[in-house]
Amino acid sequence: MKKLADYGLDDHPAGDPERARLAWAVAALDDCDVCGDLRVELTVEEEGDAGAGLVGHLSPATARRLRAALATALKEMGEPVDG
């Protein structure tokens, strides 16, 4: 089973010759045979280049660590962080 949680594009302006605009997707995954347990799947790829990106299978602990890192970055920018 793979259940999409959300997807979107980063907010970098399109057409920058130095940095690609990225697409991302997050899904819950329970059929990674080599992982042996439930995972959060994170896919990041260049916009318009579907299937050529990187896919990470994060354990719940690693997904929480990523969530905490994003919250830290938001706090550093003075942005509110939801519970």
PDB file of N, CA and C in Angstrom:
ATOM      1  N   MET A   1       0.838  -1.173   0.000  1.00  0.00           N
ATOM      2  CA  MET A   1       0.000   0.000   0.000  1.00  0.00           C
ATOM      3  C   MET A   1       0.886   1.240   0.000  1.00  0.00           C
ATOM      4  N   LYS A   2       0.488   2.201  -0.788  1.00  0.00           N
ATOM      5  CA  LYS A   2       1.163   3.492  -0.819  1.00  0.00           C
ATOM      6  C   LYS A   2       0.075   4.544  -0.846  1.00  0.00           C
ATOM      7  N   LYS A   3       0.092   5.447   0.144  1.00  0.00           N
ATOM      8  CA  LYS A   3      -0.948   6.465   0.238  1.00  0.00           C
ATOM      9  C   LYS A   3      -0.310   7.844   0.213  1.00  0.00           C
ATOM     10  N   LEU A   4      -0.633   8.625  -0.813  1.00  0.00           N
ATOM     11  CA  LEU A   4      -0.090   9.964  -0.962  1.00  0.00           C
ATOM     12  C   LEU A   4      -0.592  10.866   0.162  1.00  0.00           C
ATOM     13  N   ALA A   5       0.339  11.568   0.806  1.00  0.00           N
ATOM     14  CA  ALA A   5      -0.016  12.525   1.846  1.00  0.00           C
ATOM     15  C   ALA A   5      -0.140  13.929   1.264  1.00  0.00           C
ATOM     16  N   ASP A   6       0.807  14.319   0.417  1.00  0.00           N
ATOM     17  CA  ASP A   6       0.787  15.645  -0.203  1.00  0.00           C
ATOM     18  C   ASP A   6       1.874  15.719  -1.267  1.00  0.00           C
ATOM     19  N   TYR A   7       1.749  16.687  -2.133  1.00  0.00           N
ATOM     20  CA  TYR A   7       2.772  16.941  -3.146  1.00  0.00           C
ATOM     21  C   TYR A   7       2.718  18.410  -3.519  1.00  0.00           C
ATOM     22  N   GLY A   8       3.789  18.887  -4.132  1.00  0.00           N
ATOM     23  CA  GLY A   8       3.804  20.281  -4.544  1.00  0.00           C
ATOM     24  C   GLY A   8       5.113  20.646  -5.212  1.00  0.00           C
ATOM     25  N   LEU A   9       5.281  21.941  -5.405  1.00  0.00           N
ATOM     26  CA  LEU A   9       6.491  22.486  -6.013  1.00  0.00           C
ATOM     27  C   LEU A   9       7.169  23.397  -5.014  1.00  0.00           C
ATOM     28  N   ASP A  10       8.494  23.505  -5.112  1.00  0.00           N
ATOM     29  CA  ASP A  10       9.155  24.481  -4.257  1.00  0.00           C
ATOM     30  C   ASP A  10       8.792  25.881  -4.758  1.00  0.00           C
ATOM     31  N   ASP A  11       9.204  26.895  -4.041  1.00  0.00           N
ATOM     32  CA  ASP A  11       8.797  28.256  -4.357  1.00  0.00           C
ATOM     33  C   ASP A  11       9.884  29.054  -5.065  1.00  0.00           C
ATOM     34  N   HIS A  12      10.865  28.351  -5.605  1.00  0.00           N
ATOM     35  CA  HIS A  12      11.922  29.025  -6.352  1.00  0.00           C
ATOM     36  C   HIS A  12      11.358  29.452  -7.702  1.00  0.00           C
ATOM     37  N   PRO A  13      11.695  30.640  -8.179  1.00  0.00           N
ATOM     38  CA  PRO A  13      11.178  31.079  -9.480  1.00  0.00           C
ATOM     39  C   PRO A  13      11.624  30.144 -10.612  1.00  0.00           C
ATOM     40  N   ALA A  14      10.715  29.872 -11.507  1.00  0.00           N
ATOM     41  CA  ALA A  14      11.041  29.052 -12.680  1.00  0.00           C
ATOM     42  C   ALA A  14      11.992  29.837 -13.590  1.00  0.00           C
ATOM     43  N   GLY A  15      12.832  29.130 -14.304  1.00  0.00           N
ATOM     44  CA  GLY A  15      13.708  29.759 -15.277  1.00  0.00           C
ATOM     45  C   GLY A  15      15.048  30.218 -14.743  1.00  0.00           C
ATOM     46  N   ASP A  16      15.365  29.943 -13.486  1.00  0.00           N
ATOM     47  CA  ASP A  16      16.675  30.310 -12.935  1.00  0.00           C
ATOM     48  C   ASP A  16      17.723  29.388 -13.557  1.00  0.00           C
ATOM     49  N   PRO A  17      18.743  29.937 -14.216  1.00  0.00           N
ATOM     50  CA  PRO A  17      19.742  29.088 -14.864  1.00  0.00           C
ATOM     51  C   PRO A  17      20.669  28.381 -13.882  1.00  0.00           C
ATOM     52  N   GLU A  18      20.673  28.779 -12.617  1.00  0.00           N
ATOM     53  CA  GLU A  18      21.573  28.173 -11.633  1.00  0.00           C
ATOM     54  C   GLU A  18      20.898  27.143 -10.724  1.00  0.00           C
ATOM     55  N   ARG A  19      19.583  27.237 -10.561  1.00  0.00           N
ATOM     56  CA  ARG A  19      18.890  26.330  -9.645  1.00  0.00           C
ATOM     57  C   ARG A  19      17.591  25.837 -10.272  1.00  0.00           C
ATOM     58  N   ALA A  20      17.415  24.542 -10.252  1.00  0.00           N
ATOM     59  CA  ALA A  20      16.197  23.945 -10.807  1.00  0.00           C
ATOM     60  C   ALA A  20      15.039  24.129  -9.829  1.00  0.00           C
ATOM     61  N   ARG A  21      13.850  24.259 -10.353  1.00  0.00           N
ATOM     62  CA  ARG A  21      12.650  24.248  -9.519  1.00  0.00           C
ATOM     63  C   ARG A  21      12.308  22.792  -9.248  1.00  0.00           C
ATOM     64  N   LEU A  22      11.980  22.468  -7.996  1.00  0.00           N
ATOM     65  CA  LEU A  22      11.766  21.080  -7.600  1.00  0.00           C
ATOM     66  C   LEU A  22      10.306  20.757  -7.337  1.00  0.00           C
ATOM     67  N   ALA A  23       9.958  19.530  -7.648  1.00  0.00           N
ATOM     68  CA  ALA A  23       8.681  18.956  -7.260  1.00  0.00           C
ATOM     69  C   ALA A  23       8.956  17.982  -6.120  1.00  0.00           C
ATOM     70  N   TRP A  24       8.004  17.869  -5.182  1.00  0.00           N
ATOM     71  CA  TRP A  24       8.168  16.949  -4.056  1.00  0.00           C
ATOM     72  C   TRP A  24       6.853  16.212  -3.813  1.00  0.00           C
ATOM     73  N   ALA A  25       6.978  15.031  -3.235  1.00  0.00           N
ATOM     74  CA  ALA A  25       5.806  14.237  -2.850  1.00  0.00           C
ATOM     75  C   ALA A  25       6.138  13.461  -1.582  1.00  0.00           C
ATOM     76  N   VAL A  26       5.139  13.313  -0.728  1.00  0.00           N
ATOM     77  CA  VAL A  26       5.279  12.558   0.521  1.00  0.00           C
ATOM     78  C   VAL A  26       4.154  11.528   0.566  1.00  0.00           C
ATOM     79  N   ALA A  27       4.510  10.288   0.887  1.00  0.00           N
ATOM     80  CA  ALA A  27       3.518   9.217   0.945  1.00  0.00           C
ATOM     81  C   ALA A  27       3.831   8.283   2.110  1.00  0.00           C
ATOM     82  N   ALA A  28       2.795   7.614   2.617  1.00  0.00           N
ATOM     83  CA  ALA A  28       2.962   6.531   3.589  1.00  0.00           C
ATOM     84  C   ALA A  28       3.118   5.241   2.792  1.00  0.00           C
ATOM     85  N   LEU A  29       4.060   4.411   3.192  1.00  0.00           N
ATOM     86  CA  LEU A  29       4.415   3.230   2.416  1.00  0.00           C
ATOM     87  C   LEU A  29       4.542   2.023   3.343  1.00  0.00           C
ATOM     88  N   ASP A  30       3.900   0.910   2.963  1.00  0.00           N
ATOM     89  CA  ASP A  30       4.045  -0.300   3.776  1.00  0.00           C
ATOM     90  C   ASP A  30       4.514  -1.501   2.979  1.00  0.00           C
ATOM     91  N   ASP A  31       4.995  -1.270   1.745  1.00  0.00           N
ATOM     92  CA  ASP A  31       5.392  -2.416   0.929  1.00  0.00           C
ATOM     93  C   ASP A  31       6.840  -2.349   0.441  1.00  0.00           C
ATOM     94  N   CYS A  32       7.706  -1.788   1.256  1.00  0.00           N
ATOM     95  CA  CYS A  32       9.134  -1.790   0.929  1.00  0.00           C
ATOM     96  C   CYS A  32       9.722  -3.081   1.503  1.00  0.00           C
ATOM     97  N   ASP A  33       9.890  -4.077   0.653  1.00  0.00           N
ATOM     98  CA  ASP A  33      10.336  -5.396   1.116  1.00  0.00           C
ATOM     99  C   ASP A  33      11.671  -5.344   1.846  1.00  0.00           C
ATOM    100  N   VAL A  34      12.617  -4.593   1.341  1.00  0.00           N
ATOM    101  CA  VAL A  34      13.936  -4.562   1.968  1.00  0.00           C
ATOM    102  C   VAL A  34      13.962  -3.712   3.237  1.00  0.00           C
ATOM    103  N   CYS A  35      12.970  -2.815   3.405  1.00  0.00           N
ATOM    104  CA  CYS A  35      12.920  -1.978   4.615  1.00  0.00           C
ATOM    105  C   CYS A  35      12.422  -2.775   5.818  1.00  0.00           C
ATOM    106  N   GLY A  36      11.467  -3.661   5.580  1.00  0.00           N
ATOM    107  CA  GLY A  36      10.973  -4.512   6.646  1.00  0.00           C
ATOM    108  C   GLY A  36       9.948  -3.881   7.565  1.00  0.00           C
ATOM    109  N   ASP A  37       9.609  -2.619   7.360  1.00  0.00           N
ATOM    110  CA  ASP A  37       8.603  -1.978   8.205  1.00  0.00           C
ATOM    111  C   ASP A  37       8.000  -0.786   7.468  1.00  0.00           C
ATOM    112  N   LEU A  38       7.131  -0.053   8.140  1.00  0.00           N
ATOM    113  CA  LEU A  38       6.474   1.107   7.541  1.00  0.00           C
ATOM    114  C   LEU A  38       7.473   2.227   7.297  1.00  0.00           C
ATOM    115  N   ARG A  39       7.245   2.992   6.235  1.00  0.00           N
ATOM    116  CA  ARG A  39       8.140   4.092   5.891  1.00  0.00           C
ATOM    117  C   ARG A  39       7.342   5.290   5.416  1.00  0.00           C
ATOM    118  N   VAL A  40       7.958   6.447   5.533  1.00  0.00           N
ATOM    119  CA  VAL A  40       7.475   7.652   4.885  1.00  0.00           C
ATOM    120  C   VAL A  40       8.339   7.821   3.642  1.00  0.00           C
ATOM    121  N   GLU A  41       7.697   7.850   2.486  1.00  0.00           N
ATOM    122  CA  GLU A  41       8.434   7.988   1.238  1.00  0.00           C
ATOM    123  C   GLU A  41       8.479   9.463   0.844  1.00  0.00           C
ATOM    124  N   LEU A  42       9.680   9.965   0.632  1.00  0.00           N
ATOM    125  CA  LEU A  42       9.891  11.345   0.207  1.00  0.00           C
ATOM    126  C   LEU A  42      10.537  11.322  -1.174  1.00  0.00           C
ATOM    127  N   THR A  43       9.872  11.932  -2.156  1.00  0.00           N
ATOM    128  CA  THR A  43      10.390  12.000  -3.510  1.00  0.00           C
ATOM    129  C   THR A  43      10.667  13.455  -3.852  1.00  0.00           C
ATOM    130  N   VAL A  44      11.842  13.719  -4.395  1.00  0.00           N
ATOM    131  CA  VAL A  44      12.228  15.058  -4.837  1.00  0.00           C
ATOM    132  C   VAL A  44      12.805  14.925  -6.242  1.00  0.00           C
ATOM    133  N   GLU A  45      12.285  15.734  -7.150  1.00  0.00           N
ATOM    134  CA  GLU A  45      12.770  15.683  -8.523  1.00  0.00           C
ATOM    135  C   GLU A  45      12.601  17.045  -9.182  1.00  0.00           C
ATOM    136  N   GLU A  46      13.345  17.251 -10.244  1.00  0.00           N
ATOM    137  CA  GLU A  46      13.231  18.506 -10.978  1.00  0.00           C
ATOM    138  C   GLU A  46      11.847  18.595 -11.610  1.00  0.00           C
ATOM    139  N   GLU A  47      11.241  19.769 -11.518  1.00  0.00           N
ATOM    140  CA  GLU A  47       9.917  19.975 -12.100  1.00  0.00           C
ATOM    141  C   GLU A  47       9.928  19.564 -13.573  1.00  0.00           C
ATOM    142  N   GLY A  48       8.930  18.776 -13.971  1.00  0.00           N
ATOM    143  CA  GLY A  48       8.807  18.346 -15.354  1.00  0.00           C
ATOM    144  C   GLY A  48       9.642  17.142 -15.724  1.00  0.00           C
ATOM    145  N   ASP A  49      10.362  16.569 -14.764  1.00  0.00           N
ATOM    146  CA  ASP A  49      11.215  15.410 -15.045  1.00  0.00           C
ATOM    147  C   ASP A  49      10.782  14.223 -14.180  1.00  0.00           C
ATOM    148  N   ALA A  50       9.496  13.915 -14.245  1.00  0.00           N
ATOM    149  CA  ALA A  50       8.930  12.848 -13.421  1.00  0.00           C
ATOM    150  C   ALA A  50       9.659  11.529 -13.620  1.00  0.00           C
ATOM    151  N   GLY A  51       9.914  10.855 -12.527  1.00  0.00           N
ATOM    152  CA  GLY A  51      10.573   9.556 -12.556  1.00  0.00           C
ATOM    153  C   GLY A  51      12.087   9.613 -12.532  1.00  0.00           C
ATOM    154  N   ALA A  52      12.668  10.809 -12.573  1.00  0.00           N
ATOM    155  CA  ALA A  52      14.126  10.932 -12.603  1.00  0.00           C
ATOM    156  C   ALA A  52      14.687  11.493 -11.298  1.00  0.00           C
ATOM    157  N   GLY A  53      13.851  11.551 -10.272  1.00  0.00           N
ATOM    158  CA  GLY A  53      14.286  12.152  -9.019  1.00  0.00           C
ATOM    159  C   GLY A  53      14.855  11.150  -8.038  1.00  0.00           C
ATOM    160  N   LEU A  54      14.970  11.596  -6.813  1.00  0.00           N
ATOM    161  CA  LEU A  54      15.462  10.767  -5.718  1.00  0.00           C
ATOM    162  C   LEU A  54      14.304  10.406  -4.805  1.00  0.00           C
ATOM    163  N   VAL A  55      14.311   9.157  -4.323  1.00  0.00           N
ATOM    164  CA  VAL A  55      13.263   8.674  -3.432  1.00  0.00           C
ATOM    165  C   VAL A  55      13.908   8.202  -2.148  1.00  0.00           C
ATOM    166  N   GLY A  56      13.467   8.743  -1.029  1.00  0.00           N
ATOM    167  CA  GLY A  56      13.956   8.307   0.278  1.00  0.00           C
ATOM    168  C   GLY A  56      12.867   7.567   1.015  1.00  0.00           C
ATOM    169  N   HIS A  57      13.236   6.501   1.711  1.00  0.00           N
ATOM    170  CA  HIS A  57      12.309   5.755   2.557  1.00  0.00           C
ATOM    171  C   HIS A  57      12.706   6.022   4.000  1.00  0.00           C
ATOM    172  N   LEU A  58      11.972   6.913   4.662  1.00  0.00           N
ATOM    173  CA  LEU A  58      12.318   7.362   6.005  1.00  0.00           C
ATOM    174  C   LEU A  58      11.568   6.555   7.058  1.00  0.00           C
ATOM    175  N   SER A  59      12.302   6.099   8.063  1.00  0.00           N
ATOM    176  CA  SER A  59      11.646   5.471   9.205  1.00  0.00           C
ATOM    177  C   SER A  59      10.851   6.552   9.935  1.00  0.00           C
ATOM    178  N   PRO A  60       9.912   6.179  10.792  1.00  0.00           N
ATOM    179  CA  PRO A  60       9.183   7.198  11.552  1.00  0.00           C
ATOM    180  C   PRO A  60      10.122   8.130  12.328  1.00  0.00           C
ATOM    181  N   ALA A  61      11.180   7.597  12.914  1.00  0.00           N
ATOM    182  CA  ALA A  61      12.121   8.429  13.675  1.00  0.00           C
ATOM    183  C   ALA A  61      12.828   9.435  12.771  1.00  0.00           C
ATOM    184  N   THR A  62      13.226   9.007  11.594  1.00  0.00           N
ATOM    185  CA  THR A  62      13.898   9.912  10.658  1.00  0.00           C
ATOM    186  C   THR A  62      12.925  10.945  10.113  1.00  0.00           C
ATOM    187  N   ALA A  63      11.681  10.561   9.857  1.00  0.00           N
ATOM    188  CA  ALA A  63      10.665  11.517   9.399  1.00  0.00           C
ATOM    189  C   ALA A  63      10.423  12.585  10.473  1.00  0.00           C
ATOM    190  N   ARG A  64      10.387  12.167  11.735  1.00  0.00           N
ATOM    191  CA  ARG A  64      10.224  13.147  12.823  1.00  0.00           C
ATOM    192  C   ARG A  64      11.432  14.073  12.901  1.00  0.00           C
ATOM    193  N   ARG A  65      12.611  13.556  12.676  1.00  0.00           N
ATOM    194  CA  ARG A  65      13.828  14.388  12.687  1.00  0.00           C
ATOM    195  C   ARG A  65      13.780  15.425  11.565  1.00  0.00           C
ATOM    196  N   LEU A  66      13.331  15.023  10.377  1.00  0.00           N
ATOM    197  CA  LEU A  66      13.183  15.956   9.269  1.00  0.00           C
ATOM    198  C   LEU A  66      12.139  17.018   9.610  1.00  0.00           C
ATOM    199  N   ARG A  67      11.030  16.594  10.201  1.00  0.00           N
ATOM    200  CA  ARG A  67       9.991  17.543  10.614  1.00  0.00           C
ATOM    201  C   ARG A  67      10.550  18.551  11.604  1.00  0.00           C
ATOM    202  N   ALA A  68      11.353  18.091  12.551  1.00  0.00           N
ATOM    203  CA  ALA A  68      11.964  18.984  13.539  1.00  0.00           C
ATOM    204  C   ALA A  68      12.945  19.951  12.886  1.00  0.00           C
ATOM    205  N   ALA A  69      13.700  19.488  11.902  1.00  0.00           N
ATOM    206  CA  ALA A  69      14.644  20.357  11.202  1.00  0.00           C
ATOM    207  C   ALA A  69      13.908  21.454  10.442  1.00  0.00           C
ATOM    208  N   LEU A  70      12.786  21.112   9.808  1.00  0.00           N
ATOM    209  CA  LEU A  70      11.991  22.117   9.112  1.00  0.00           C
ATOM    210  C   LEU A  70      11.419  23.136  10.104  1.00  0.00           C
ATOM    211  N   ALA A  71      10.967  22.662  11.259  1.00  0.00           N
ATOM    212  CA  ALA A  71      10.451  23.567  12.292  1.00  0.00           C
ATOM    213  C   ALA A  71      11.548  24.500  12.799  1.00  0.00           C
ATOM    214  N   THR A  72      12.748  23.991  12.981  1.00  0.00           N
ATOM    215  CA  THR A  72      13.872  24.819  13.421  1.00  0.00           C
ATOM    216  C   THR A  72      14.177  25.905  12.399  1.00  0.00           C
ATOM    217  N   ALA A  73      14.194  25.547  11.125  1.00  0.00           N
ATOM    218  CA  ALA A  73      14.457  26.530  10.076  1.00  0.00           C
ATOM    219  C   ALA A  73      13.374  27.611  10.059  1.00  0.00           C
ATOM    220  N   LEU A  74      12.111  27.219  10.223  1.00  0.00           N
ATOM    221  CA  LEU A  74      11.027  28.197  10.272  1.00  0.00           C
ATOM    222  C   LEU A  74      11.173  29.140  11.457  1.00  0.00           C
ATOM    223  N   LYS A  75      11.527  28.591  12.614  1.00  0.00           N
ATOM    224  CA  LYS A  75      11.725  29.428  13.807  1.00  0.00           C
ATOM    225  C   LYS A  75      12.851  30.425  13.588  1.00  0.00           C
ATOM    226  N   GLU A  76      13.942  29.981  12.957  1.00  0.00           N
ATOM    227  CA  GLU A  76      15.068  30.857  12.677  1.00  0.00           C
ATOM    228  C   GLU A  76      14.679  32.022  11.782  1.00  0.00           C
ATOM    229  N   MET A  77      13.673  31.811  10.936  1.00  0.00           N
ATOM    230  CA  MET A  77      13.189  32.862  10.031  1.00  0.00           C
ATOM    231  C   MET A  77      12.117  33.718  10.684  1.00  0.00           C
ATOM    232  N   GLY A  78      11.769  33.382  11.933  1.00  0.00           N
ATOM    233  CA  GLY A  78      10.736  34.133  12.630  1.00  0.00           C
ATOM    234  C   GLY A  78       9.319  33.724  12.260  1.00  0.00           C
ATOM    235  N   GLU A  79       9.178  32.570  11.635  1.00  0.00           N
ATOM    236  CA  GLU A  79       7.859  32.073  11.226  1.00  0.00           C
ATOM    237  C   GLU A  79       7.254  31.219  12.330  1.00  0.00           C
ATOM    238  N   PRO A  80       5.919  31.246  12.484  1.00  0.00           N
ATOM    239  CA  PRO A  80       5.289  30.397  13.483  1.00  0.00           C
ATOM    240  C   PRO A  80       5.378  28.920  13.087  1.00  0.00           C
ATOM    241  N   VAL A  81       5.408  28.074  14.080  1.00  0.00           N
ATOM    242  CA  VAL A  81       5.467  26.620  13.850  1.00  0.00           C
ATOM    243  C   VAL A  81       4.264  25.996  14.518  1.00  0.00           C
ATOM    244  N   ASP A  82       3.492  25.227  13.747  1.00  0.00           N
ATOM    245  CA  ASP A  82       2.332  24.543  14.288  1.00  0.00           C
ATOM    246  C   ASP A  82       2.793  23.399  15.183  1.00  0.00           C
ATOM    247  N   GLY A  83       2.006  23.128  16.218  1.00  0.00           N
ATOM    248  CA  GLY A  83       2.271  22.076  17.194  1.00  0.00           C
ATOM    249  C   GLY A  83       2.758  20.847  16.601  1.00  0.00           C
TER     250      GLY A  83
END
